Structures are given as C-alpha cells and as structure tokens.
C-alpha cells in the first residue's frame, strides 16, 4: 500500500528560496519508491462538485501575484492520466459521491510547487482534484476513504494545504512561531496520532484557536481527505513541522 500524505505547500517561493522544508520535500521524494501516478487535492482549486482534472497535458498555472518574476517562468510538464481520472470517478460514484471531469484545468501552485521538489523530472502522471470547503469534515474524510483502493495500485495521494493558514496574521520579518499556532498544531498532533476522528470532525469547537488557524476551510480540508485514504489502517506519522513568518504552518503527515 503506497502511503498517502498531507503536505503544506506554503508560499510559491518554496521552490526558489533555500529552506529546510524544501530540502525535506526533495529528500522525501528521493526516498519513496516511484509511484504509478500521483493524485493531488489542492486547496487552490475550489468547486461545489468534486472535480477531477482530466487534461492530457495540464498547463502550469501561476495562480498568484506579487512574487519574484522567476516564479512565473517555472513549468512543471507532467502528463495527465485520463484512465486514472476515470477510475477515480468510478470509485466516487460507487460511494454515491457526485463528481465532474474537467479536461481544461491546469496544475495550480498547490500541486506543482510540491511536485517540482519531490519529483523534479515530472515523469509521473498527475491527476489534480478540487476541494469543496463548504463540506462538513465527515464528508471530506469520506471522499478520501472512497479512494483508498488506489493506494494498493501504487498511487500516491496527496492533500495539499496547510493546517494553520491565516495570511492576515503573518509576520513577514520574523519566523518565530506564534504560541497559538503551535497550540493548534499540537492539538491536531494529539488527535491525529490516535486517530480521534470524532474530535477532528468537531475541530471548530474543540481545537484551541481554531478560528484563527482555520478562518476558511479550503486549506484544512485536504488533511481530512488524506486521512480518509488510510481509513483501514489508521496509521499516522508527523514527518516535519516548522513555521514560516510566525504563523504559516509547514507540516507534513504520512498516512500508511
């Protein structure tokens, strides 16, 4: 069974600036066996219906502004995989989850920033999936659970987002982590490692500083989806945790 991951994608400059998290992602990609395909749920593609990217040669989307010019010249030329996309659709349909295919959507920076570090050769087909931040946590988890059979086919499933993601609280001149951000992630650690799904589904009421850490759910939903893909085994391991600009959580979880 190929492990699944929840990976923070941080800022787009992750791929151009020296950072210990960038080095970690490169090392992680080198250590893992080459997957048969990669499926990524990105916080930066929101849709009301679960949508599956089905482009044969997805473009590299530079869906940000105000960053160094060299970022806009980066291309990640991975191929798509229509058979994998259709297989995902069949698994969702079997669980009564509505879906749509989109053969025009490119890879946003929640996808290519991570993969350009982990798989720089872009030689593994990639299927990009949306998230619906309006779904309740149980439904996010259910989407992931519907796809767990893909892991036995050598498919790497990634939820790309961030556990603490509140741009308005960033300290651009200081990386020292805010206590409230660390307390929220510590609560998640305690709940995820024992697979306390009841508490996680109710994180908005139970977790300390939840409204600060998760003002909107699009970056948090990929964590629950990634967990759902390991519902049978329920094994979780935190691989990396640091902070950038005080409150931008750079965390990496593996579910096996």
Protein backbone atom coordinates (compact mmCIF):
# COMPACT_ATOMS: atom_id res chain seq x y z
CA UNK A 1 0.00 0.00 0.00
CA UNK A 2 1.53 3.29 -1.08
CA UNK A 3 1.40 5.85 1.76
CA UNK A 4 -0.73 8.96 1.46
CA UNK A 5 0.38 12.40 2.55
CA UNK A 6 -0.85 15.72 3.78
CA UNK A 7 1.73 18.32 2.77
CA UNK A 8 1.70 22.03 3.44
CA UNK A 9 2.61 23.90 0.27
CA UNK A 10 3.49 27.18 1.98
CA UNK A 11 4.29 30.06 -0.38
CA UNK A 12 5.26 29.63 -4.05
CA UNK A 13 8.79 30.79 -3.17
CA UNK A 14 9.24 27.38 -1.54
CA UNK A 15 10.69 26.22 -4.86
CA UNK A 16 13.16 29.09 -5.33
CA UNK A 17 14.37 30.04 -1.83
CA UNK A 18 16.62 27.89 0.37
CA UNK A 19 14.51 26.42 3.13
CA UNK A 20 14.73 23.31 5.32
CA UNK A 21 11.20 22.32 4.26
CA UNK A 22 12.23 22.42 0.60
CA UNK A 23 15.15 20.16 1.43
CA UNK A 24 12.85 17.84 3.33
CA UNK A 25 10.48 17.52 0.36
CA UNK A 26 13.35 16.76 -2.02
CA UNK A 27 14.62 14.09 0.38
CA UNK A 28 11.15 12.59 0.84
CA UNK A 29 10.65 12.30 -2.90
CA UNK A 30 14.04 10.63 -3.33
CA UNK A 31 13.36 8.10 -0.56
CA UNK A 32 9.93 6.97 -1.75
CA UNK A 33 9.51 4.38 -4.49
CA UNK A 34 8.42 5.89 -7.76
CA UNK A 35 4.60 5.88 -7.77
CA UNK A 36 2.49 4.71 -10.69
CA UNK A 37 0.62 8.01 -10.54
CA UNK A 38 0.06 10.99 -8.28
CA UNK A 39 -3.32 12.32 -7.16
CA UNK A 40 -3.35 15.76 -5.52
CA UNK A 41 -6.24 17.50 -3.78
CA UNK A 42 -5.29 21.18 -3.82
CA UNK A 43 -6.64 23.95 -1.59
CA UNK A 44 -6.35 26.31 -4.55
CA UNK A 45 -8.98 24.61 -6.67
CA UNK A 46 -12.38 25.08 -5.06
CA UNK A 47 -15.61 23.70 -6.53
CA UNK A 48 -19.07 22.80 -5.30
CA UNK A 49 -18.92 19.40 -7.02
CA UNK A 50 -15.87 17.20 -6.57
CA UNK A 51 -13.96 17.79 -9.80
CA UNK A 52 -11.24 15.64 -11.34
CA UNK A 53 -8.63 17.07 -13.66
CA UNK A 54 -8.62 15.14 -16.93
CA UNK A 55 -6.28 17.19 -19.14
CA UNK A 56 -3.80 15.07 -21.10
CA UNK A 57 -1.08 17.73 -20.76
CA UNK A 58 -2.13 20.11 -17.97
CA UNK A 59 -0.69 23.62 -18.05
CA UNK A 60 1.34 25.03 -15.18
CA UNK A 61 -0.84 27.68 -13.54
CA UNK A 62 0.83 30.69 -11.94
CA UNK A 63 -2.19 31.50 -9.80
CA UNK A 64 -0.58 34.17 -7.63
CA UNK A 65 0.73 37.71 -7.94
CA UNK A 66 3.38 39.91 -6.39
CA UNK A 67 6.11 37.26 -6.24
CA UNK A 68 9.59 37.25 -7.86
CA UNK A 69 9.49 37.17 -11.65
CA UNK A 70 11.40 33.89 -11.96
CA UNK A 71 8.47 32.02 -10.38
CA UNK A 72 6.31 32.87 -13.38
CA UNK A 73 8.74 31.13 -15.72
CA UNK A 74 8.59 27.79 -13.93
CA UNK A 75 6.90 24.96 -15.82
CA UNK A 76 6.03 21.52 -14.46
CA UNK A 77 5.33 19.47 -17.61
CA UNK A 78 3.84 16.35 -16.06
CA UNK A 79 1.33 14.40 -18.14
CA UNK A 80 -2.21 13.74 -17.01
CA UNK A 81 -3.81 10.30 -16.95
CA UNK A 82 -7.37 10.03 -18.22
CA UNK A 83 -7.67 6.37 -17.21
CA UNK A 84 -6.69 7.21 -13.63
CA UNK A 85 -9.09 10.18 -13.65
CA UNK A 86 -11.94 7.95 -14.82
CA UNK A 87 -11.00 5.32 -12.23
CA UNK A 88 -11.25 7.96 -9.52
CA UNK A 89 -14.68 8.86 -10.85
CA UNK A 90 -15.82 5.24 -10.64
CA UNK A 91 -14.67 4.98 -7.02
CA UNK A 92 -16.50 8.16 -6.09
CA UNK A 93 -19.64 7.02 -7.92
CA UNK A 94 -19.57 3.71 -6.04
CA UNK A 95 -19.77 5.68 -2.79
CA UNK A 96 -22.57 7.94 -4.01
CA UNK A 97 -20.30 10.98 -4.32
CA UNK A 98 -21.11 13.31 -7.21
CA UNK A 99 -18.19 14.31 -9.43
CA UNK A 100 -17.29 16.04 -12.67
CA UNK A 101 -14.36 15.80 -15.08
CA UNK A 102 -12.51 18.90 -16.29
CA UNK A 103 -10.18 18.45 -19.28
CA UNK A 104 -9.00 22.07 -19.32
CA UNK A 105 -7.77 22.67 -15.77
CA UNK A 106 -4.01 23.05 -15.29
CA UNK A 107 -1.89 22.35 -12.22
CA UNK A 108 -2.07 25.17 -9.66
CA UNK A 109 0.76 26.05 -7.30
CA UNK A 110 -0.67 23.80 -4.60
CA UNK A 111 0.33 20.95 -6.92
CA UNK A 112 3.45 21.91 -8.86
CA UNK A 113 5.39 23.57 -6.05
CA UNK A 114 5.38 20.32 -4.07
CA UNK A 115 5.91 18.02 -7.03
CA UNK A 116 8.71 20.06 -8.59
CA UNK A 117 10.65 19.38 -5.39
CA UNK A 118 9.60 15.76 -4.85
CA UNK A 119 9.56 14.64 -8.50
CA UNK A 120 11.60 17.22 -10.43
CA UNK A 121 11.75 15.07 -13.58
CA UNK A 122 7.94 15.38 -13.94
CA UNK A 123 7.93 11.78 -15.17
CA UNK A 124 4.94 10.56 -13.12
CA UNK A 125 1.41 11.27 -14.39
CA UNK A 126 -0.56 13.68 -12.20
CA UNK A 127 -4.31 13.94 -11.63
CA UNK A 128 -5.37 17.17 -9.91
CA UNK A 129 -8.55 17.25 -7.79
CA UNK A 130 -10.56 20.11 -6.33
CA UNK A 131 -11.83 20.60 -2.80
CA UNK A 132 -15.17 21.89 -1.58
CA UNK A 133 -14.51 23.86 1.63
CA UNK A 134 -18.24 24.02 2.40
CA UNK A 135 -18.50 20.29 3.09
CA UNK A 136 -18.55 19.17 6.70
CA UNK A 137 -15.38 17.38 7.87
CA UNK A 138 -17.07 13.95 7.78
CA UNK A 139 -17.73 14.42 4.05
CA UNK A 140 -14.14 15.46 3.37
CA UNK A 141 -12.95 12.29 5.09
CA UNK A 142 -15.48 10.23 3.13
CA UNK A 143 -14.07 11.46 -0.19
CA UNK A 144 -10.63 10.27 0.83
CA UNK A 145 -11.98 6.97 2.11
CA UNK A 146 -13.62 6.32 -1.26
CA UNK A 147 -10.21 6.44 -2.94
CA UNK A 148 -8.17 4.30 -0.56
CA UNK A 149 -8.10 1.37 -3.03
CA UNK A 150 -5.81 3.45 -5.25
CA UNK A 151 -3.01 3.03 -2.74
CA UNK A 152 -2.84 -0.70 -3.50
CA UNK A 153 -2.22 0.23 -7.15
CA UNK A 154 0.89 2.23 -6.30
CA UNK A 155 -0.82 5.62 -6.49
CA UNK A 156 0.43 8.38 -4.21
CA UNK A 157 -2.42 10.53 -2.88
CA UNK A 158 -1.56 13.98 -1.53
CA UNK A 159 -3.68 16.53 0.28
CA UNK A 160 -2.04 19.91 -0.34
CA UNK A 161 -2.94 22.73 2.02
CA UNK A 162 -1.90 23.94 5.47
CA UNK A 163 -3.15 23.34 9.00
CA UNK A 164 -2.54 26.92 10.15
CA UNK A 165 -3.22 29.22 7.21
CA UNK A 166 -4.28 32.77 8.00
CA UNK A 167 -2.45 35.24 5.72
CA UNK A 168 -3.58 38.21 7.80
CA UNK A 169 -1.53 37.04 10.77
CA UNK A 170 1.83 36.57 9.00
CA UNK A 171 4.93 38.33 10.35
CA UNK A 172 6.95 38.94 7.20
CA UNK A 173 10.13 39.86 9.07
CA UNK A 174 10.05 37.11 11.70
CA UNK A 175 9.84 33.31 11.56
CA UNK A 176 9.39 32.84 15.33
CA UNK A 177 6.22 30.75 15.71
CA UNK A 178 3.23 32.26 17.47
CA UNK A 179 2.15 30.29 20.54
CA UNK A 180 -1.46 29.97 19.36
CA UNK A 181 -0.36 28.42 16.06
CA UNK A 182 1.80 25.87 17.87
CA UNK A 183 -1.03 25.06 20.28
CA UNK A 184 -3.45 24.39 17.42
CA UNK A 185 -0.98 22.08 15.67
CA UNK A 186 -0.18 20.35 18.97
CA UNK A 187 -3.87 19.62 19.47
CA UNK A 188 -4.02 18.19 15.95
CA UNK A 189 -0.98 16.02 16.64
CA UNK A 190 -2.57 14.56 19.75
CA UNK A 191 -5.81 13.79 17.91
CA UNK A 192 -4.36 12.54 14.63
CA UNK A 193 -1.83 10.16 16.15
CA UNK A 194 -4.61 8.28 17.99
CA UNK A 195 -7.00 8.69 15.03
CA UNK A 196 -9.60 10.51 17.08
CA UNK A 197 -11.85 11.28 14.12
CA UNK A 198 -14.75 12.39 16.34
CA UNK A 199 -12.65 15.20 17.79
CA UNK A 200 -11.14 16.11 14.42
CA UNK A 201 -14.56 16.35 12.80
CA UNK A 202 -15.51 18.77 15.59
CA UNK A 203 -12.24 20.73 15.49
CA UNK A 204 -14.00 24.08 15.12
CA UNK A 205 -15.41 23.73 18.66
CA UNK A 206 -12.75 21.62 20.35
CA UNK A 207 -9.38 22.78 18.99
CA UNK A 208 -7.69 25.77 20.63
CA UNK A 209 -7.59 28.88 18.40
CA UNK A 210 -9.41 27.05 15.58
CA UNK A 211 -10.95 30.22 14.15
CA UNK A 212 -7.53 31.87 13.96
CA UNK A 213 -5.78 28.85 12.48
CA UNK A 214 -8.56 27.93 10.03
CA UNK A 215 -10.51 31.09 9.12
CA UNK A 216 -11.63 29.32 5.93
CA UNK A 217 -11.58 25.57 5.38
CA UNK A 218 -10.04 25.12 1.93
CA UNK A 219 -6.50 24.58 3.28
CA UNK A 220 -7.65 22.31 6.11
CA UNK A 221 -9.94 20.05 4.05
CA UNK A 222 -7.03 18.27 2.28
CA UNK A 223 -5.84 16.98 5.67
CA UNK A 224 -9.15 15.22 6.30
CA UNK A 225 -9.24 13.86 2.75
CA UNK A 226 -5.72 12.47 3.08
CA UNK A 227 -6.61 10.83 6.40
CA UNK A 228 -9.65 9.23 4.81
CA UNK A 229 -7.45 7.44 2.28
CA UNK A 230 -5.91 5.48 5.18
CA UNK A 231 -9.16 4.66 6.99
CA UNK A 232 -8.49 0.91 7.01
CA UNK A 233 -5.03 1.03 8.60
CA UNK A 234 -5.33 4.31 10.54
CA UNK A 235 -1.60 4.85 10.97
CA UNK A 236 -0.31 8.42 11.04
CA UNK A 237 3.17 9.89 11.42
CA UNK A 238 4.24 13.52 11.54
CA UNK A 239 7.33 13.81 9.33
CA UNK A 240 8.05 17.53 9.54
CA UNK A 241 6.79 20.59 11.39
CA UNK A 242 8.09 24.15 11.32
CA UNK A 243 6.68 27.62 10.82
CA UNK A 244 7.38 30.43 8.42
CA UNK A 245 6.56 34.10 9.07
CA UNK A 246 5.26 33.26 12.53
CA UNK A 247 2.01 31.53 11.66
CA UNK A 248 2.39 29.71 8.32
CA UNK A 249 2.46 26.07 9.36
CA UNK A 250 4.72 23.86 7.26
CA UNK A 251 3.70 20.39 8.28
CA UNK A 252 3.99 17.01 6.58
CA UNK A 253 1.95 13.99 7.63
CA UNK A 254 2.23 10.45 6.28
CA UNK A 255 -0.71 8.05 6.46
CA UNK A 256 0.11 4.40 5.93
